[in-house]
Amino acid sequence: MKGTAELLKEHQLKVTPQRLKIVKMLEKHGHINIEDLYKEMLKEFPSVSLATIYKNINQMIESGLIQEVKLPETKSVYELIKEPHLHMVCDKCHKVEDIVIGTEKIIEEAEKVSGYIINESFITLRGICPDCQKR
């Protein structure tokens, strides 16, 4: 995987300590909401504002480095853009996991049935994760 600074440069983003930390947090957690990201950022950058976090997140979205994942009945989370995948969300612990399976056929069928040309898709499945099933 490319280094964090290289990822930012590749997406025409200035390399700053805050942006480096945001990307590292996304790499570490996979998915994170703004509030949790802000709490983590405060540990290393005590004077960082929530507005700064939003500004950086929005710039990273615009550059195509990250994307917002809108989840039903919960706060949006953010993730690094990667190969097409769907999301599994646990109804008990609220963990969000990526599942890489062929989503192309689902999208093709949806286009065929609806007549839409689909530009973007977020497929989310909900259930009980294996860890919560054991409890």
N, C-alpha and C. Protein backbone atom coordinates (compact mmCIF):
# COMPACT_ATOMS: atom_id res chain seq x y z
N MET A 1 0.84 -1.18 0.00
CA MET A 1 0.00 0.00 0.00
C MET A 1 0.89 1.24 0.00
N LYS A 2 0.42 2.28 -0.65
CA LYS A 2 1.16 3.52 -0.72
C LYS A 2 1.23 4.17 0.66
N GLY A 3 2.26 4.98 0.83
CA GLY A 3 2.39 5.73 2.07
C GLY A 3 1.31 6.80 2.16
N THR A 4 1.06 7.24 3.36
CA THR A 4 0.00 8.22 3.61
C THR A 4 0.27 9.52 2.87
N ALA A 5 1.50 10.02 2.92
CA ALA A 5 1.84 11.27 2.24
C ALA A 5 1.66 11.12 0.73
N GLU A 6 2.04 9.98 0.19
CA GLU A 6 1.89 9.75 -1.25
C GLU A 6 0.43 9.74 -1.66
N LEU A 7 -0.42 9.14 -0.81
CA LEU A 7 -1.86 9.13 -1.11
C LEU A 7 -2.41 10.55 -1.19
N LEU A 8 -2.02 11.39 -0.23
CA LEU A 8 -2.49 12.78 -0.25
C LEU A 8 -2.00 13.51 -1.49
N LYS A 9 -0.72 13.36 -1.81
CA LYS A 9 -0.15 14.03 -2.99
C LYS A 9 -0.81 13.54 -4.27
N GLU A 10 -1.06 12.25 -4.35
CA GLU A 10 -1.71 11.67 -5.53
C GLU A 10 -3.09 12.28 -5.77
N HIS A 11 -3.74 12.70 -4.70
CA HIS A 11 -5.08 13.31 -4.79
C HIS A 11 -5.02 14.83 -4.73
N GLN A 12 -3.83 15.38 -5.03
CA GLN A 12 -3.60 16.83 -5.07
C GLN A 12 -3.99 17.53 -3.77
N LEU A 13 -3.69 16.89 -2.66
CA LEU A 13 -3.95 17.48 -1.35
C LEU A 13 -2.62 17.80 -0.68
N LYS A 14 -2.56 18.96 -0.08
CA LYS A 14 -1.37 19.36 0.66
C LYS A 14 -1.19 18.41 1.84
N VAL A 15 0.04 18.01 2.07
CA VAL A 15 0.35 17.11 3.17
C VAL A 15 0.48 17.94 4.44
N THR A 16 -0.46 17.75 5.37
CA THR A 16 -0.43 18.43 6.67
C THR A 16 -0.48 17.37 7.77
N PRO A 17 -0.02 17.70 8.96
CA PRO A 17 -0.10 16.71 10.05
C PRO A 17 -1.53 16.24 10.32
N GLN A 18 -2.51 17.15 10.23
CA GLN A 18 -3.90 16.76 10.48
C GLN A 18 -4.40 15.80 9.40
N ARG A 19 -4.10 16.08 8.15
CA ARG A 19 -4.54 15.18 7.07
C ARG A 19 -3.86 13.82 7.17
N LEU A 20 -2.59 13.83 7.51
CA LEU A 20 -1.88 12.55 7.69
C LEU A 20 -2.58 11.72 8.78
N LYS A 21 -2.94 12.37 9.87
CA LYS A 21 -3.61 11.68 10.99
C LYS A 21 -4.98 11.16 10.57
N ILE A 22 -5.74 11.96 9.82
CA ILE A 22 -7.07 11.51 9.37
C ILE A 22 -6.94 10.26 8.52
N VAL A 23 -6.01 10.26 7.57
CA VAL A 23 -5.83 9.08 6.70
C VAL A 23 -5.39 7.88 7.53
N LYS A 24 -4.48 8.09 8.46
CA LYS A 24 -4.03 6.98 9.31
C LYS A 24 -5.18 6.42 10.15
N MET A 25 -6.06 7.30 10.63
CA MET A 25 -7.22 6.85 11.40
C MET A 25 -8.17 6.03 10.52
N LEU A 26 -8.36 6.46 9.29
CA LEU A 26 -9.22 5.71 8.36
C LEU A 26 -8.59 4.36 8.03
N GLU A 27 -7.28 4.33 7.86
CA GLU A 27 -6.61 3.06 7.61
C GLU A 27 -6.76 2.13 8.81
N LYS A 28 -6.62 2.69 10.01
CA LYS A 28 -6.69 1.89 11.24
C LYS A 28 -8.11 1.36 11.49
N HIS A 29 -9.10 2.23 11.40
CA HIS A 29 -10.47 1.86 11.77
C HIS A 29 -11.29 1.33 10.60
N GLY A 30 -10.92 1.65 9.38
CA GLY A 30 -11.72 1.25 8.22
C GLY A 30 -12.87 2.19 7.99
N HIS A 31 -13.69 2.39 9.00
CA HIS A 31 -14.85 3.29 8.96
C HIS A 31 -14.89 4.06 10.27
N ILE A 32 -15.11 5.36 10.18
CA ILE A 32 -15.17 6.16 11.41
C ILE A 32 -16.10 7.35 11.18
N ASN A 33 -16.87 7.69 12.22
CA ASN A 33 -17.75 8.86 12.10
C ASN A 33 -16.98 10.10 12.55
N ILE A 34 -17.53 11.26 12.23
CA ILE A 34 -16.85 12.53 12.52
C ILE A 34 -16.57 12.70 14.01
N GLU A 35 -17.54 12.37 14.86
CA GLU A 35 -17.36 12.58 16.29
C GLU A 35 -16.21 11.74 16.84
N ASP A 36 -16.15 10.47 16.43
CA ASP A 36 -15.06 9.61 16.92
C ASP A 36 -13.71 10.07 16.35
N LEU A 37 -13.72 10.49 15.10
CA LEU A 37 -12.50 11.01 14.49
C LEU A 37 -12.02 12.25 15.24
N TYR A 38 -12.95 13.13 15.55
CA TYR A 38 -12.62 14.36 16.29
C TYR A 38 -12.02 14.04 17.66
N LYS A 39 -12.62 13.11 18.38
CA LYS A 39 -12.09 12.72 19.70
C LYS A 39 -10.66 12.20 19.59
N GLU A 40 -10.40 11.39 18.58
CA GLU A 40 -9.06 10.85 18.38
C GLU A 40 -8.08 11.95 17.99
N MET A 41 -8.51 12.87 17.13
CA MET A 41 -7.65 13.96 16.68
C MET A 41 -7.25 14.86 17.85
N LEU A 42 -8.18 15.09 18.79
CA LEU A 42 -7.90 15.96 19.94
C LEU A 42 -6.74 15.44 20.79
N LYS A 43 -6.54 14.13 20.82
CA LYS A 43 -5.46 13.55 21.60
C LYS A 43 -4.09 14.01 21.10
N GLU A 44 -3.98 14.15 19.78
CA GLU A 44 -2.70 14.54 19.18
C GLU A 44 -2.65 16.03 18.86
N PHE A 45 -3.82 16.60 18.57
CA PHE A 45 -3.92 18.01 18.18
C PHE A 45 -4.96 18.69 19.07
N PRO A 46 -4.62 19.04 20.30
CA PRO A 46 -5.60 19.57 21.25
C PRO A 46 -6.31 20.84 20.81
N SER A 47 -5.73 21.60 19.90
CA SER A 47 -6.37 22.85 19.47
C SER A 47 -7.17 22.69 18.17
N VAL A 48 -7.24 21.48 17.62
CA VAL A 48 -7.98 21.30 16.36
C VAL A 48 -9.47 21.52 16.59
N SER A 49 -10.12 22.16 15.63
CA SER A 49 -11.56 22.41 15.76
C SER A 49 -12.34 21.40 14.93
N LEU A 50 -13.59 21.23 15.31
CA LEU A 50 -14.47 20.36 14.55
C LEU A 50 -14.63 20.89 13.13
N ALA A 51 -14.65 22.21 12.97
CA ALA A 51 -14.75 22.83 11.64
C ALA A 51 -13.57 22.43 10.76
N THR A 52 -12.38 22.37 11.35
CA THR A 52 -11.19 21.95 10.59
C THR A 52 -11.31 20.52 10.13
N ILE A 53 -11.84 19.67 11.00
CA ILE A 53 -12.03 18.26 10.63
C ILE A 53 -13.00 18.17 9.45
N TYR A 54 -14.14 18.86 9.54
CA TYR A 54 -15.12 18.84 8.45
C TYR A 54 -14.50 19.38 7.15
N LYS A 55 -13.74 20.46 7.26
CA LYS A 55 -13.11 21.05 6.07
C LYS A 55 -12.19 20.04 5.40
N ASN A 56 -11.35 19.38 6.20
CA ASN A 56 -10.43 18.38 5.64
C ASN A 56 -11.17 17.19 5.06
N ILE A 57 -12.19 16.72 5.76
CA ILE A 57 -12.98 15.59 5.25
C ILE A 57 -13.62 15.96 3.91
N ASN A 58 -14.21 17.14 3.83
CA ASN A 58 -14.85 17.56 2.58
C ASN A 58 -13.85 17.69 1.44
N GLN A 59 -12.66 18.21 1.72
CA GLN A 59 -11.64 18.30 0.68
C GLN A 59 -11.17 16.92 0.23
N MET A 60 -11.09 15.99 1.16
CA MET A 60 -10.68 14.62 0.82
C MET A 60 -11.77 13.92 -0.01
N ILE A 61 -13.03 14.22 0.29
CA ILE A 61 -14.13 13.66 -0.51
C ILE A 61 -14.06 14.22 -1.94
N GLU A 62 -13.92 15.54 -2.04
CA GLU A 62 -13.86 16.20 -3.35
C GLU A 62 -12.70 15.69 -4.19
N SER A 63 -11.59 15.35 -3.55
CA SER A 63 -10.41 14.88 -4.28
C SER A 63 -10.52 13.41 -4.69
N GLY A 64 -11.51 12.70 -4.13
CA GLY A 64 -11.68 11.29 -4.46
C GLY A 64 -10.85 10.35 -3.60
N LEU A 65 -10.33 10.85 -2.49
CA LEU A 65 -9.54 10.00 -1.59
C LEU A 65 -10.42 9.20 -0.65
N ILE A 66 -11.47 9.82 -0.13
CA ILE A 66 -12.37 9.15 0.80
C ILE A 66 -13.81 9.32 0.35
N GLN A 67 -14.68 8.57 0.97
CA GLN A 67 -16.11 8.72 0.68
C GLN A 67 -16.91 8.61 1.96
N GLU A 68 -18.07 9.24 1.92
CA GLU A 68 -19.02 9.15 3.02
C GLU A 68 -19.87 7.92 2.79
N VAL A 69 -20.08 7.15 3.82
CA VAL A 69 -20.95 5.98 3.75
C VAL A 69 -22.17 6.29 4.62
N LYS A 70 -23.30 6.44 3.97
CA LYS A 70 -24.53 6.75 4.70
C LYS A 70 -25.16 5.44 5.14
N LEU A 71 -25.35 5.33 6.44
CA LEU A 71 -25.89 4.10 7.02
C LEU A 71 -27.28 4.37 7.57
N PRO A 72 -28.18 3.40 7.44
CA PRO A 72 -29.52 3.59 7.97
C PRO A 72 -29.52 3.70 9.49
N GLU A 73 -30.29 4.64 10.01
CA GLU A 73 -30.53 4.82 11.44
C GLU A 73 -29.28 5.07 12.28
N THR A 74 -28.23 5.59 11.66
CA THR A 74 -27.02 5.92 12.41
C THR A 74 -26.26 7.01 11.67
N LYS A 75 -25.21 7.51 12.30
CA LYS A 75 -24.40 8.56 11.69
C LYS A 75 -23.61 8.02 10.52
N SER A 76 -23.37 8.88 9.55
CA SER A 76 -22.51 8.50 8.43
C SER A 76 -21.11 8.22 8.94
N VAL A 77 -20.44 7.33 8.23
CA VAL A 77 -19.03 7.06 8.51
C VAL A 77 -18.25 7.37 7.24
N TYR A 78 -16.96 7.46 7.38
CA TYR A 78 -16.08 7.78 6.26
C TYR A 78 -15.07 6.66 6.10
N GLU A 79 -14.67 6.44 4.84
CA GLU A 79 -13.70 5.40 4.54
C GLU A 79 -12.86 5.82 3.35
N LEU A 80 -11.67 5.23 3.25
CA LEU A 80 -10.85 5.43 2.07
C LEU A 80 -11.53 4.75 0.90
N ILE A 81 -11.46 5.36 -0.26
CA ILE A 81 -12.07 4.74 -1.44
C ILE A 81 -11.20 3.57 -1.87
N LYS A 82 -11.86 2.46 -2.11
CA LYS A 82 -11.17 1.24 -2.52
C LYS A 82 -12.03 0.50 -3.53
N GLU A 83 -11.74 -0.75 -3.75
CA GLU A 83 -12.50 -1.53 -4.74
C GLU A 83 -13.98 -1.57 -4.38
N PRO A 84 -14.85 -1.80 -5.38
CA PRO A 84 -16.29 -1.87 -5.08
C PRO A 84 -16.59 -2.94 -4.03
N HIS A 85 -17.47 -2.60 -3.10
CA HIS A 85 -17.80 -3.52 -2.02
C HIS A 85 -19.14 -3.11 -1.43
N LEU A 86 -19.64 -3.95 -0.54
CA LEU A 86 -20.84 -3.58 0.19
C LEU A 86 -20.51 -3.56 1.67
N HIS A 87 -21.43 -3.05 2.46
CA HIS A 87 -21.20 -2.91 3.89
C HIS A 87 -22.14 -3.80 4.68
N MET A 88 -21.59 -4.44 5.69
CA MET A 88 -22.37 -5.22 6.64
C MET A 88 -22.38 -4.42 7.94
N VAL A 89 -23.57 -4.20 8.51
CA VAL A 89 -23.69 -3.44 9.75
C VAL A 89 -24.38 -4.33 10.79
N CYS A 90 -23.75 -4.44 11.96
CA CYS A 90 -24.33 -5.23 13.03
C CYS A 90 -25.38 -4.40 13.78
N ASP A 91 -26.57 -4.95 13.92
CA ASP A 91 -27.66 -4.26 14.62
C ASP A 91 -27.41 -4.15 16.13
N LYS A 92 -26.52 -4.99 16.67
CA LYS A 92 -26.27 -4.96 18.11
C LYS A 92 -25.08 -4.08 18.48
N CYS A 93 -23.91 -4.34 17.89
CA CYS A 93 -22.71 -3.58 18.27
C CYS A 93 -22.41 -2.44 17.30
N HIS A 94 -23.13 -2.37 16.20
CA HIS A 94 -23.01 -1.31 15.20
C HIS A 94 -21.69 -1.31 14.44
N LYS A 95 -20.98 -2.42 14.50
CA LYS A 95 -19.73 -2.55 13.74
C LYS A 95 -20.07 -2.50 12.25
N VAL A 96 -19.20 -1.85 11.47
CA VAL A 96 -19.36 -1.77 10.02
C VAL A 96 -18.19 -2.51 9.38
N GLU A 97 -18.50 -3.45 8.50
CA GLU A 97 -17.46 -4.21 7.83
C GLU A 97 -17.65 -4.15 6.33
N ASP A 98 -16.54 -4.17 5.60
CA ASP A 98 -16.59 -4.26 4.15
C ASP A 98 -16.65 -5.72 3.73
N ILE A 99 -17.47 -5.99 2.75
CA ILE A 99 -17.52 -7.31 2.14
C ILE A 99 -17.30 -7.11 0.64
N VAL A 100 -16.23 -7.69 0.14
CA VAL A 100 -15.91 -7.54 -1.28
C VAL A 100 -16.52 -8.72 -2.03
N ILE A 101 -17.61 -8.43 -2.71
CA ILE A 101 -18.24 -9.41 -3.59
C ILE A 101 -18.62 -8.66 -4.86
N GLY A 102 -18.91 -9.40 -5.91
CA GLY A 102 -19.26 -8.77 -7.18
C GLY A 102 -20.56 -7.98 -7.08
N THR A 103 -20.45 -6.67 -7.05
CA THR A 103 -21.65 -5.83 -7.02
C THR A 103 -22.06 -5.41 -8.42
N GLU A 104 -21.25 -5.74 -9.42
CA GLU A 104 -21.53 -5.30 -10.79
C GLU A 104 -22.89 -5.81 -11.30
N LYS A 105 -23.19 -7.07 -11.03
CA LYS A 105 -24.45 -7.65 -11.51
C LYS A 105 -25.66 -6.98 -10.86
N ILE A 106 -25.55 -6.65 -9.58
CA ILE A 106 -26.64 -5.96 -8.88
C ILE A 106 -26.89 -4.62 -9.54
N ILE A 107 -25.82 -3.89 -9.81
CA ILE A 107 -25.93 -2.57 -10.41
C ILE A 107 -26.47 -2.67 -11.84
N GLU A 108 -25.97 -3.62 -12.60
CA GLU A 108 -26.46 -3.82 -13.98
C GLU A 108 -27.95 -4.14 -13.98
N GLU A 109 -28.38 -5.01 -13.09
CA GLU A 109 -29.79 -5.39 -13.01
C GLU A 109 -30.65 -4.19 -12.61
N ALA A 110 -30.17 -3.40 -11.64
CA ALA A 110 -30.91 -2.20 -11.21
C ALA A 110 -31.03 -1.21 -12.36
N GLU A 111 -29.99 -1.04 -13.15
CA GLU A 111 -30.06 -0.14 -14.31
C GLU A 111 -31.06 -0.66 -15.34
N LYS A 112 -31.02 -1.96 -15.55
CA LYS A 112 -31.91 -2.58 -16.53
C LYS A 112 -33.38 -2.41 -16.12
N VAL A 113 -33.68 -2.67 -14.88
CA VAL A 113 -35.06 -2.60 -14.38
C VAL A 113 -35.55 -1.16 -14.28
N SER A 114 -34.67 -0.24 -13.85
CA SER A 114 -35.10 1.13 -13.56
C SER A 114 -34.94 2.09 -14.73
N GLY A 115 -34.03 1.79 -15.64
CA GLY A 115 -33.73 2.73 -16.71
C GLY A 115 -32.71 3.79 -16.31
N TYR A 116 -32.30 3.78 -15.05
CA TYR A 116 -31.30 4.73 -14.57
C TYR A 116 -29.92 4.35 -15.08
N ILE A 117 -29.06 5.34 -15.18
CA ILE A 117 -27.62 5.10 -15.31
C ILE A 117 -27.07 5.39 -13.92
N ILE A 118 -26.57 4.36 -13.28
CA ILE A 118 -26.13 4.49 -11.89
C ILE A 118 -24.70 5.00 -11.84
N ASN A 119 -24.52 6.12 -11.16
CA ASN A 119 -23.20 6.73 -11.01
C ASN A 119 -22.50 6.30 -9.74
N GLU A 120 -23.29 5.97 -8.73
CA GLU A 120 -22.73 5.68 -7.42
C GLU A 120 -23.69 4.76 -6.69
N SER A 121 -23.13 3.84 -5.90
CA SER A 121 -24.01 2.97 -5.12
C SER A 121 -23.38 2.68 -3.77
N PHE A 122 -24.25 2.56 -2.78
CA PHE A 122 -23.85 2.16 -1.44
C PHE A 122 -24.81 1.05 -1.03
N ILE A 123 -24.31 -0.14 -1.00
CA ILE A 123 -25.14 -1.28 -0.63
C ILE A 123 -24.81 -1.65 0.81
N THR A 124 -25.85 -1.63 1.65
CA THR A 124 -25.68 -1.92 3.07
C THR A 124 -26.63 -3.04 3.47
N LEU A 125 -26.08 -4.05 4.10
CA LEU A 125 -26.87 -5.14 4.63
C LEU A 125 -26.75 -5.11 6.15
N ARG A 126 -27.84 -5.35 6.84
CA ARG A 126 -27.85 -5.32 8.30
C ARG A 126 -28.17 -6.69 8.85
N GLY A 127 -27.61 -6.96 10.01
CA GLY A 127 -27.86 -8.23 10.68
C GLY A 127 -27.11 -8.28 11.99
N ILE A 128 -26.84 -9.49 12.45
CA ILE A 128 -26.11 -9.69 13.70
C ILE A 128 -24.76 -10.32 13.34
N CYS A 129 -23.67 -9.66 13.75
CA CYS A 129 -22.33 -10.15 13.42
C CYS A 129 -22.03 -11.45 14.17
N PRO A 130 -21.04 -12.22 13.70
CA PRO A 130 -20.69 -13.48 14.38
C PRO A 130 -20.34 -13.30 15.85
N ASP A 131 -19.62 -12.22 16.20
CA ASP A 131 -19.26 -12.01 17.61
C ASP A 131 -20.51 -11.83 18.48
N CYS A 132 -21.46 -11.02 18.02
CA CYS A 132 -22.69 -10.81 18.79
C CYS A 132 -23.57 -12.05 18.83
N GLN A 133 -23.51 -12.88 17.81
CA GLN A 133 -24.27 -14.12 17.81
C GLN A 133 -23.77 -15.07 18.90
N LYS A 134 -22.47 -15.01 19.18
CA LYS A 134 -21.87 -15.88 20.21
C LYS A 134 -22.23 -15.46 21.62
N ARG A 135 -22.56 -14.16 21.78
CA ARG A 135 -22.85 -13.63 23.13
C ARG A 135 -24.24 -13.99 23.57
